[in-house]
Amino acid sequence: MTHISAKPARQTVESLPANDNERAALADLSFLDDINDDDQIADIVRRAERLGHATLIIMAIGLVAAPLLYLMLA
């Protein structure tokens, strides 16, 4: 009798069919491996926060200046 499961059995690299286009082992391509230092992470967060603040200020200026410019030119 064959056991039927809702989850298929996970195939290992050795049990997969041969294919020249596939690597023998799956590559772990995580960019987090390149960031080793907590200071680097803190620097990235600081720069992202500054960019967010600058974007917010520019958007606020644009939302105020656009209607004023429209009213002055009308």
Protein backbone atom coordinates (compact mmCIF):
# COMPACT_ATOMS: atom_id res chain seq x y z
CA MET A 1 0.00 0.00 0.00
CA THR A 2 1.36 3.41 -0.94
CA HIS A 3 1.39 6.09 1.71
CA ILE A 4 -0.13 9.35 0.44
CA SER A 5 0.97 12.50 2.17
CA ALA A 6 -0.16 16.09 1.73
CA LYS A 7 3.47 17.19 1.54
CA PRO A 8 5.68 15.57 -1.07
CA ALA A 9 9.01 14.23 0.08
CA ARG A 10 11.80 16.76 -0.34
CA GLN A 11 14.29 15.76 -3.00
CA THR A 12 17.96 15.91 -2.24
CA VAL A 13 20.54 17.01 -4.78
CA GLU A 14 21.58 13.41 -5.35
CA SER A 15 18.02 12.29 -6.16
CA LEU A 16 17.35 15.02 -8.74
CA PRO A 17 17.65 14.04 -12.40
CA ALA A 18 20.89 14.88 -14.16
CA ASN A 19 20.85 18.23 -15.92
CA ASP A 20 23.84 20.18 -17.17
CA ASN A 21 22.03 23.48 -16.61
CA GLU A 22 21.59 22.95 -12.88
CA ARG A 23 24.30 23.31 -10.28
CA ALA A 24 25.08 20.33 -8.07
CA ALA A 25 24.32 22.34 -4.94
CA LEU A 26 22.04 25.29 -4.45
CA ALA A 27 23.93 28.56 -4.00
CA ASP A 28 23.22 30.73 -0.97
CA LEU A 29 23.11 34.24 -2.43
CA SER A 30 22.39 36.41 0.58
CA PHE A 31 23.63 40.00 0.67
CA LEU A 32 23.60 39.82 4.47
CA ASP A 33 26.75 37.71 4.35
CA ASP A 34 28.62 40.71 2.93
CA ILE A 35 27.62 42.94 5.86
CA ASN A 36 29.66 41.71 8.80
CA ASP A 37 29.86 44.65 11.14
CA ASP A 38 27.13 46.22 13.28
CA ASP A 39 28.65 49.63 12.56
CA GLN A 40 28.05 49.10 8.83
CA ILE A 41 24.41 48.22 9.50
CA ALA A 42 23.99 51.29 11.73
CA ASP A 43 25.52 53.46 8.99
CA ILE A 44 23.09 52.10 6.39
CA VAL A 45 20.15 52.74 8.72
CA ARG A 46 21.35 56.28 9.44
CA ARG A 47 21.64 57.09 5.74
CA ALA A 48 18.20 55.61 5.01
CA GLU A 49 16.64 57.66 7.81
CA ARG A 50 18.26 60.87 6.55
CA LEU A 51 17.05 60.14 3.02
CA GLY A 52 13.53 59.54 4.36
CA HIS A 53 13.55 62.83 6.24
CA ALA A 54 14.80 64.73 3.19
CA THR A 55 12.11 63.10 1.02
CA LEU A 56 9.41 64.03 3.52
CA ILE A 57 10.55 67.67 3.64
CA ILE A 58 10.72 67.93 -0.17
CA MET A 59 7.24 66.43 -0.49
CA ALA A 60 5.84 68.89 2.09
CA ILE A 61 7.42 71.86 0.29
CA GLY A 62 6.04 70.62 -3.04
CA LEU A 63 2.52 70.18 -1.64
CA VAL A 64 2.56 73.77 -0.33
CA ALA A 65 4.38 75.38 -3.26
CA ALA A 66 2.38 73.80 -6.10
CA PRO A 67 -1.00 75.33 -5.14
CA LEU A 68 0.65 78.69 -4.38
CA LEU A 69 2.33 78.69 -7.78
CA TYR A 70 -0.96 77.78 -9.42
CA LEU A 71 -2.78 80.62 -7.64
CA MET A 72 -0.06 83.14 -8.52
CA LEU A 73 -0.13 82.22 -12.20
CA ALA A 74 -3.91 82.04 -12.50
